[in-house]
Amino acid sequence: MRISLLTLCFIFLSSCGGSSTGNSAATSSSSTAVNLPPMSSYPTYYPTFSRITDAEIDVAWDKIQDPEQEALTYDIKLGDENLFTKTSIKNTSIKNLTPQTNYDINVFASDPAGNTTHALLTLTTLPAGESVSLNKINVENLTRQYAIFKPNNPNHEIMPVVIILHGAGGYAWPAAIYDYWVTIARREHFIFVMPQALVQIGNTYPSWAARFATDASPSEQVTWSDVLFINKVLDELISQDDVDANKIYLAGMSSGGYMTFFAAQDTQDRLAAVASISGSLAKDTLGKFALDKPLPLLKMHGTADTVVPMYNTDVTWDDIFNVWSQANKTTTSTTTELSDINKTDSSTVTLIKFRGDTIASDIDFYRINNGGHSVPGIEGEANQDINAYEVIWEFFKNHQLSDR
């Protein structure tokens, strides 16, 4: 069963001094100042949530404020049931819930004059034993975020970890809650992690800083290291007693695919395998990129990708393969034309497997013939002969750090 975020519904109702006439006084000719109701800071929605389990939801409403800067009182209701009133704390944990149940969480913000603003958040609790949360860590004096899903683990076993880097413009939260990776993580019993990129100078959307600072143009300079951030996330994960440090994997799409390649150099001693969809390396970065030992790689790319072309670019897949093949010491290759299961997607898949003396030498290249800048089997306009995420997991689970 997939996790669903059923509704994010925001309703704003106001009343002036408890009167049913609301703020009609604001339209009168009276010169008397009208005390306005609390307002939500648009476009930041409120309330927000940071954690959902099978029996608990963490909610916050820190974006609500009063025009007159008056102290507000918050009443929190679960459906029609009044849970509690808070005067200064702007977050709470709602407990003792039922797994896989829809809940209406109502937050009423009232000022001393009796003006009230109401917001409704509808969420669904998870199946028994599961949790998904938005975690925050400080890296280089910046607050960085990553979402993490943990499946039911009644025997407290250690589990593999799959870290997925979103593409440019992507947001880890709340997208991670209903990502297809959750479906696989639940079934295969591993931890799914999705870090959040920042917005670079000159951009209006988040993307990964997948190049050395000295290689970036002045307009592309960033003051943070995403590689350091990923390593900090790895530190956090490895410190937890339910993580199998021998089975940690990194993958990404587009900008996340670039970052997967770039981060591999400085995280190669911690990862069991990596995968990149429609990713590449910056030209100046390629000459400085090196692997000290084999690192299993799955690469997936469309031949008709116009966003990150596989060929006719400063850095081609052949350039990256040459570096990886040398590190992995591959000696043989086999080519297989996969079944054209879907005849309507105008594309096919060729799988080229490169092998060496050990399993750590593995390189699998899925060439999506006539495929564009998309994720096969996940996005509607993509090739439908394979499911990229299922293919990546099948590759990952056959590798572990100790093999290298």
Protein backbone atom coordinates (compact mmCIF):
# COMPACT_ATOMS: atom_id res chain seq x y z
CA MET A 1 0.00 0.00 0.00
CA ARG A 2 1.36 3.42 -0.94
CA ILE A 3 1.47 6.28 1.50
CA SER A 4 -0.91 9.01 0.46
CA LEU A 5 -1.01 12.61 1.51
CA LEU A 6 -4.73 12.96 0.99
CA THR A 7 -5.39 16.64 1.39
CA LEU A 8 -3.60 19.85 2.21
CA CYS A 9 -6.57 22.15 2.79
CA PHE A 10 -6.17 25.66 4.14
CA ILE A 11 -9.28 27.48 5.26
CA PHE A 12 -9.13 30.96 6.66
CA LEU A 13 -12.17 32.12 8.65
CA SER A 14 -12.19 35.31 10.71
CA SER A 15 -14.43 37.08 13.18
CA CYS A 16 -14.02 40.48 14.77
CA GLY A 17 -14.45 40.57 18.52
CA GLY A 18 -16.58 37.47 18.37
CA SER A 19 -19.19 39.24 16.21
CA SER A 20 -20.81 37.38 13.34
CA THR A 21 -20.34 40.47 11.16
CA GLY A 22 -16.64 39.65 10.82
CA ASN A 23 -14.58 42.53 9.42
CA SER A 24 -17.42 44.42 7.79
CA ALA A 25 -16.34 47.43 9.85
CA ALA A 26 -13.31 47.69 7.63
CA THR A 27 -15.54 48.79 4.76
CA SER A 28 -17.48 51.41 6.75
CA SER A 29 -16.76 55.10 6.82
CA SER A 30 -15.81 54.91 10.49
CA SER A 31 -12.30 56.11 11.28
CA THR A 32 -12.01 53.60 14.12
CA ALA A 33 -9.09 51.24 13.52
CA VAL A 34 -10.12 47.66 12.95
CA ASN A 35 -8.24 44.91 14.74
CA LEU A 36 -7.41 42.44 11.99
CA PRO A 37 -7.39 38.66 12.47
CA PRO A 38 -4.21 36.59 12.44
CA MET A 39 -2.84 35.88 8.99
CA SER A 40 -0.86 33.07 7.39
CA SER A 41 2.41 34.03 5.69
CA TYR A 42 1.68 33.27 2.05
CA PRO A 43 2.89 31.24 0.19
CA THR A 44 4.24 29.26 3.16
CA TYR A 45 1.39 26.99 4.10
CA TYR A 46 0.41 26.38 7.66
CA PRO A 47 0.18 24.20 9.53
CA THR A 48 3.04 22.01 8.39
CA PHE A 49 4.09 18.57 9.52
CA SER A 50 7.54 17.09 10.08
CA ARG A 51 6.90 13.50 11.08
CA ILE A 52 4.27 10.81 10.57
CA THR A 53 4.24 7.34 12.10
CA ASP A 54 1.56 4.72 12.55
CA ALA A 55 0.32 6.45 15.71
CA GLU A 56 1.75 9.97 15.79
CA ILE A 57 1.90 13.18 13.74
CA ASP A 58 4.19 16.14 14.51
CA VAL A 59 2.62 19.45 13.49
CA ALA A 60 3.90 23.04 13.53
CA TRP A 61 2.25 26.38 12.69
CA ASP A 62 5.10 28.87 13.02
CA LYS A 63 4.11 30.86 9.91
CA ILE A 64 0.99 32.35 11.47
CA GLN A 65 1.30 35.94 12.70
CA ASP A 66 -0.89 38.78 13.87
CA PRO A 67 -0.97 42.16 12.03
CA GLU A 68 -1.03 44.03 15.35
CA GLN A 69 1.75 41.83 16.77
CA GLU A 70 -0.54 40.68 19.55
CA ALA A 71 0.09 37.45 21.41
CA LEU A 72 -1.92 34.60 19.93
CA THR A 73 -3.61 31.59 21.47
CA TYR A 74 -3.71 28.34 19.54
CA ASP A 75 -6.42 25.74 19.88
CA ILE A 76 -5.67 22.37 18.31
CA LYS A 77 -8.44 19.96 17.46
CA LEU A 78 -8.44 16.47 16.02
CA GLY A 79 -11.61 16.57 13.97
CA ASP A 80 -14.10 18.08 16.40
CA GLU A 81 -12.23 16.93 19.49
CA ASN A 82 -10.37 19.69 21.31
CA LEU A 83 -6.88 18.42 22.17
CA PHE A 84 -5.22 21.37 23.86
CA THR A 85 -4.57 25.10 23.90
CA LYS A 86 -1.10 26.60 23.51
CA THR A 87 -0.03 30.20 23.96
CA SER A 88 3.62 30.34 22.96
CA ILE A 89 4.74 26.92 21.70
CA LYS A 90 3.96 26.64 17.99
CA ASN A 91 4.30 22.91 17.52
CA THR A 92 2.92 19.74 18.99
CA SER A 93 2.93 15.98 18.68
CA ILE A 94 -0.47 14.35 18.29
CA LYS A 95 -0.26 10.84 19.69
CA ASN A 96 -2.29 7.68 20.23
CA LEU A 97 -3.57 7.61 16.67
CA THR A 98 -4.69 4.58 14.66
CA PRO A 99 -2.52 3.23 11.80
CA GLN A 100 -3.61 3.92 8.22
CA THR A 101 -6.34 6.33 9.25
CA ASN A 102 -7.23 9.76 7.87
CA TYR A 103 -7.18 12.61 10.38
CA ASP A 104 -8.34 16.23 10.20
CA ILE A 105 -6.02 18.44 12.23
CA ASN A 106 -7.53 21.85 12.96
CA VAL A 107 -5.50 24.78 14.24
CA PHE A 108 -7.33 27.90 15.44
CA ALA A 109 -5.22 31.03 16.03
CA SER A 110 -7.00 33.70 18.11
CA ASP A 111 -5.91 37.19 19.15
CA PRO A 112 -7.05 38.98 22.35
CA ALA A 113 -9.87 40.71 20.45
CA GLY A 114 -11.42 37.38 19.58
CA ASN A 115 -10.43 37.38 15.91
CA THR A 116 -9.73 33.84 14.75
CA THR A 117 -8.02 32.22 11.79
CA HIS A 118 -8.57 28.53 11.15
CA ALA A 119 -6.44 26.10 9.12
CA LEU A 120 -7.14 22.46 8.33
CA LEU A 121 -4.53 19.81 7.57
CA THR A 122 -5.66 16.32 6.55
CA LEU A 123 -3.11 13.51 6.83
CA THR A 124 -3.02 9.73 6.87
CA THR A 125 -1.08 7.73 9.44
CA LEU A 126 1.26 5.01 8.19
CA PRO A 127 1.02 1.24 8.44
CA ALA A 128 2.15 -0.34 11.71
CA GLY A 129 5.77 0.28 12.68
CA GLU A 130 6.60 2.73 9.88
CA SER A 131 7.79 6.33 10.11
CA VAL A 132 8.68 9.17 7.77
CA SER A 133 10.22 12.43 8.94
CA LEU A 134 11.97 15.61 7.86
CA ASN A 135 15.31 15.85 9.65
CA LYS A 136 17.48 18.94 10.02
CA ILE A 137 21.23 19.17 10.53
CA ASN A 138 23.67 22.07 10.69
CA VAL A 139 26.36 22.02 8.01
CA GLU A 140 28.69 24.99 7.47
CA ASN A 141 26.32 27.16 9.56
CA LEU A 142 23.44 26.29 7.24
CA THR A 143 20.35 24.33 8.16
CA ARG A 144 20.21 21.40 5.79
CA GLN A 145 17.29 18.99 5.49
CA TYR A 146 16.70 15.41 4.50
CA ALA A 147 13.63 13.19 4.52
CA ILE A 148 13.88 9.65 5.81
CA PHE A 149 11.47 6.72 5.60
CA LYS A 150 11.86 3.68 7.82
CA PRO A 151 9.83 0.52 7.26
CA ASN A 152 8.42 -1.68 9.99
CA ASN A 153 11.33 -3.31 11.79
CA PRO A 154 9.92 -5.33 14.70
CA ASN A 155 13.08 -7.38 15.22
CA HIS A 156 15.35 -4.31 15.27
CA GLU A 157 17.48 -5.63 12.43
CA ILE A 158 20.07 -3.54 10.64
CA MET A 159 18.83 -2.41 7.23
CA PRO A 160 20.38 -1.19 3.95
CA VAL A 161 20.07 2.51 3.06
CA VAL A 162 19.21 3.99 -0.34
CA ILE A 163 19.93 7.72 -0.67
CA ILE A 164 18.18 9.41 -3.59
CA LEU A 165 19.19 12.86 -4.88
CA HIS A 166 16.33 14.71 -6.56
CA GLY A 167 16.63 16.57 -9.85
CA ALA A 168 16.80 20.35 -10.32
CA GLY A 169 13.66 21.98 -8.96
CA GLY A 170 12.90 19.00 -6.75
CA TYR A 171 11.77 19.09 -3.13
CA ALA A 172 12.37 16.21 -0.76
CA TRP A 173 9.51 17.15 1.54
CA PRO A 174 6.74 16.19 1.42
CA ALA A 175 7.47 14.45 -1.91
CA ALA A 176 9.39 11.66 -0.17
CA ILE A 177 6.21 10.52 1.56
CA TYR A 178 4.61 9.24 -1.63
CA ASP A 179 7.71 8.55 -3.73
CA TYR A 180 7.79 5.13 -5.43
CA TRP A 181 10.99 4.39 -3.51
CA VAL A 182 8.81 4.05 -0.40
CA THR A 183 6.94 1.20 -2.08
CA ILE A 184 10.21 -0.63 -2.68
CA ALA A 185 11.66 0.20 0.75
CA ARG A 186 8.56 -1.16 2.46
CA ARG A 187 8.65 -4.38 0.44
CA GLU A 188 12.44 -4.93 0.52
CA HIS A 189 13.00 -3.70 4.06
CA PHE A 190 15.49 -0.85 3.64
CA ILE A 191 15.72 2.78 4.72
CA PHE A 192 14.97 5.41 2.07
CA VAL A 193 16.61 8.85 2.40
CA MET A 194 16.10 11.95 0.26
CA PRO A 195 18.34 14.98 0.98
CA GLN A 196 17.29 18.50 -0.04
CA ALA A 197 19.43 20.69 -2.31
CA LEU A 198 19.68 24.48 -1.91
CA VAL A 199 18.94 27.30 -4.35
CA GLN A 200 22.15 28.47 -6.03
CA ILE A 201 22.94 32.08 -6.90
CA GLY A 202 21.04 33.19 -9.98
CA ASN A 203 18.49 30.38 -9.75
CA THR A 204 14.97 30.28 -8.40
CA TYR A 205 14.92 26.52 -7.80
CA PRO A 206 17.07 24.07 -5.81
CA SER A 207 19.84 22.15 -7.56
CA TRP A 208 23.02 20.35 -6.55
CA ALA A 209 26.45 22.01 -6.55
CA ALA A 210 28.12 19.18 -8.49
CA ARG A 211 31.46 20.74 -9.31
CA PHE A 212 34.59 22.00 -7.61
CA ALA A 213 34.29 25.63 -6.50
CA THR A 214 37.36 26.58 -8.53
CA ASP A 215 35.68 25.28 -11.69
CA ALA A 216 32.51 27.34 -11.33
CA SER A 217 31.96 30.66 -13.06
CA PRO A 218 31.31 33.72 -10.85
CA SER A 219 27.56 33.35 -11.38
CA GLU A 220 27.71 29.69 -10.31
CA GLN A 221 29.75 30.13 -7.15
CA VAL A 222 28.24 28.64 -4.02
CA THR A 223 29.32 29.09 -0.43
CA TRP A 224 28.52 25.54 0.67
CA SER A 225 29.62 22.02 -0.13
CA ASP A 226 26.92 19.51 -1.02
CA VAL A 227 29.52 16.75 -0.78
CA LEU A 228 30.11 17.72 2.84
CA PHE A 229 26.36 17.74 3.39
CA ILE A 230 26.00 14.23 1.98
CA ASN A 231 28.86 13.04 4.16
CA LYS A 232 27.16 14.57 7.20
CA VAL A 233 23.97 12.71 6.32
CA LEU A 234 26.05 9.54 6.08
CA ASP A 235 27.50 10.29 9.52
CA GLU A 236 24.00 10.63 10.93
CA LEU A 237 22.84 7.41 9.32
CA ILE A 238 25.84 5.28 10.27
CA SER A 239 25.49 6.39 13.90
CA GLN A 240 22.04 4.77 14.08
CA ASP A 241 21.82 1.20 15.33
CA ASP A 242 19.37 0.10 12.62
CA VAL A 243 21.64 0.98 9.65
CA ASP A 244 23.77 -1.57 7.83
CA ALA A 245 26.91 0.45 7.04
CA ASN A 246 27.97 -2.31 4.62
CA LYS A 247 24.98 -1.62 2.38
CA ILE A 248 24.61 2.11 1.73
CA TYR A 249 23.78 3.20 -1.81
CA LEU A 250 23.56 6.56 -3.61
CA ALA A 251 21.54 7.43 -6.72
CA GLY A 252 20.13 10.50 -8.44
CA MET A 253 18.33 11.87 -11.48
CA SER A 254 19.51 14.77 -13.69
CA SER A 255 21.07 17.31 -11.30
CA GLY A 256 20.98 14.51 -8.74
CA GLY A 257 22.68 12.26 -11.29
CA TYR A 258 25.46 14.82 -11.66
CA MET A 259 25.79 14.98 -7.89
CA THR A 260 25.90 11.20 -7.61
CA PHE A 261 28.92 11.09 -9.92
CA PHE A 262 30.59 14.09 -8.28
CA ALA A 263 30.02 12.92 -4.69
CA ALA A 264 31.29 9.42 -5.48
CA GLN A 265 34.91 10.56 -5.31
CA ASP A 266 34.71 11.74 -1.69
CA THR A 267 32.22 9.13 -0.49
CA GLN A 268 33.66 6.09 -2.25
CA ASP A 269 34.89 4.53 1.00
CA ARG A 270 31.36 4.59 2.43
CA LEU A 271 29.20 3.45 -0.47
CA ALA A 272 28.51 -0.06 -1.75
CA ALA A 273 27.28 1.09 -5.20
CA VAL A 274 25.92 4.13 -7.05
CA ALA A 275 23.45 4.81 -9.86
CA SER A 276 22.90 7.82 -12.11
CA ILE A 277 19.91 8.57 -14.33
CA SER A 278 20.47 11.24 -17.00
CA GLY A 279 23.50 12.58 -15.12
CA SER A 280 27.00 13.57 -16.15
CA LEU A 281 30.06 15.43 -14.87
CA ALA A 282 31.07 19.03 -15.50
CA LYS A 283 33.89 19.34 -18.06
CA ASP A 284 36.46 20.86 -15.68
CA THR A 285 35.54 18.35 -13.00
CA LEU A 286 36.18 15.28 -15.16
CA GLY A 287 39.93 15.88 -15.31
CA LYS A 288 40.17 15.96 -11.52
CA PHE A 289 37.84 13.04 -10.88
CA ALA A 290 39.36 9.80 -9.65
CA LEU A 291 38.37 6.58 -7.92
CA ASP A 292 40.89 4.77 -5.74
CA LYS A 293 39.22 1.38 -6.09
CA PRO A 294 36.28 -0.26 -7.87
CA LEU A 295 32.82 1.18 -7.23
CA PRO A 296 29.85 -0.64 -8.80
CA LEU A 297 27.88 1.67 -11.11
CA LEU A 298 24.52 1.57 -12.84
CA LYS A 299 24.05 4.22 -15.50
CA MET A 300 20.77 4.96 -17.31
CA HIS A 301 20.46 7.53 -20.10
CA GLY A 302 18.23 8.31 -23.06
CA THR A 303 19.81 8.75 -26.49
CA ALA A 304 17.31 11.53 -27.28
CA ASP A 305 17.88 13.41 -24.03
CA THR A 306 18.14 17.11 -24.99
CA VAL A 307 18.56 18.42 -21.43
CA VAL A 308 21.66 16.37 -20.62
CA PRO A 309 22.67 14.87 -23.99
CA MET A 310 24.39 11.51 -23.77
CA TYR A 311 26.54 12.44 -26.78
CA ASN A 312 27.70 15.67 -28.45
CA THR A 313 28.55 17.34 -25.15
CA ASP A 314 31.77 18.40 -23.47
CA VAL A 315 31.54 15.30 -21.31
CA THR A 316 29.96 12.19 -22.84
CA TRP A 317 28.99 8.91 -21.24
CA ASP A 318 32.07 7.41 -22.93
CA ASP A 319 34.29 9.87 -21.05
CA ILE A 320 32.80 8.92 -17.69
CA PHE A 321 32.82 5.22 -18.56
CA ASN A 322 36.53 5.31 -19.37
CA VAL A 323 37.33 6.68 -15.90
CA TRP A 324 35.01 4.20 -14.17
CA SER A 325 36.08 1.23 -16.25
CA GLN A 326 39.72 1.86 -15.44
CA ALA A 327 38.96 2.00 -11.71
CA ASN A 328 36.71 -1.07 -11.85
CA LYS A 329 39.13 -2.99 -14.06
CA THR A 330 36.41 -4.26 -16.39
CA THR A 331 37.54 -6.79 -18.98
CA THR A 332 34.40 -8.10 -20.71
CA SER A 333 31.02 -6.86 -21.87
CA THR A 334 27.72 -8.35 -22.99
CA THR A 335 24.92 -6.60 -24.83
CA THR A 336 21.24 -7.54 -24.51
CA GLU A 337 18.25 -5.99 -26.24
CA LEU A 338 15.49 -6.01 -23.62
CA SER A 339 11.93 -6.92 -24.55
CA ASP A 340 9.93 -4.08 -26.08
CA ILE A 341 7.05 -4.60 -23.67
CA ASN A 342 5.35 -1.28 -24.36
CA LYS A 343 4.87 -0.58 -28.06
CA THR A 344 3.47 2.92 -27.53
CA ASP A 345 6.44 4.62 -25.81
CA SER A 346 8.51 4.98 -29.02
CA SER A 347 11.61 3.66 -27.28
CA THR A 348 13.49 0.48 -26.41
CA VAL A 349 16.19 -0.50 -23.94
CA THR A 350 19.65 -1.91 -24.56
CA LEU A 351 21.50 -3.29 -21.53
CA ILE A 352 25.28 -3.43 -21.71
CA LYS A 353 26.98 -5.18 -18.80
CA PHE A 354 30.68 -4.68 -18.13
CA ARG A 355 32.40 -7.15 -15.83
CA GLY A 356 35.82 -7.72 -14.28
CA ASP A 357 37.48 -10.10 -11.87
CA THR A 358 35.18 -9.31 -8.91
CA ILE A 359 31.56 -8.29 -8.36
CA ALA A 360 32.85 -4.84 -7.40
CA SER A 361 33.82 -4.36 -11.05
CA ASP A 362 30.20 -4.31 -12.21
CA ILE A 363 29.02 -1.54 -14.52
CA ASP A 364 25.50 -1.81 -15.96
CA PHE A 365 24.55 0.67 -18.68
CA TYR A 366 20.89 0.95 -19.65
CA ARG A 367 20.76 2.81 -22.95
CA ILE A 368 17.23 4.06 -23.49
CA ASN A 369 17.01 4.17 -27.29
CA ASN A 370 15.09 7.31 -28.33
CA GLY A 371 14.47 8.00 -24.65
CA GLY A 372 14.34 11.56 -23.35
CA HIS A 373 15.19 13.28 -20.06
CA SER A 374 12.93 11.15 -17.89
CA VAL A 375 12.80 8.22 -15.48
CA PRO A 376 11.76 4.97 -17.19
CA GLY A 377 8.69 3.31 -15.75
CA ILE A 378 8.08 6.17 -13.30
CA GLU A 379 7.22 9.16 -15.44
CA GLY A 380 4.39 8.89 -17.94
CA GLU A 381 6.32 10.22 -20.94
CA ALA A 382 9.28 7.92 -20.30
CA ASN A 383 10.15 4.48 -21.60
CA GLN A 384 7.80 1.90 -20.05
CA ASP A 385 9.75 -1.29 -20.77
CA ILE A 386 11.53 -1.13 -17.42
CA ASN A 387 10.98 0.46 -14.02
CA ALA A 388 14.15 2.41 -13.29
CA TYR A 389 13.82 2.27 -9.51
CA GLU A 390 13.18 -1.48 -9.45
CA VAL A 391 16.16 -2.03 -11.77
CA ILE A 392 18.42 0.13 -9.57
CA TRP A 393 17.41 -1.70 -6.41
CA GLU A 394 18.03 -5.10 -8.03
CA PHE A 395 21.54 -3.87 -8.88
CA PHE A 396 22.16 -2.36 -5.46
CA LYS A 397 21.11 -5.35 -3.38
CA ASN A 398 23.72 -7.55 -5.05
CA HIS A 399 26.56 -5.34 -3.84
CA GLN A 400 28.04 -4.50 -0.47
CA LEU A 401 30.94 -2.38 0.71
CA SER A 402 32.95 -5.37 1.90
CA ASP A 403 33.09 -6.68 -1.69
CA ARG A 404 35.32 -3.79 -2.63
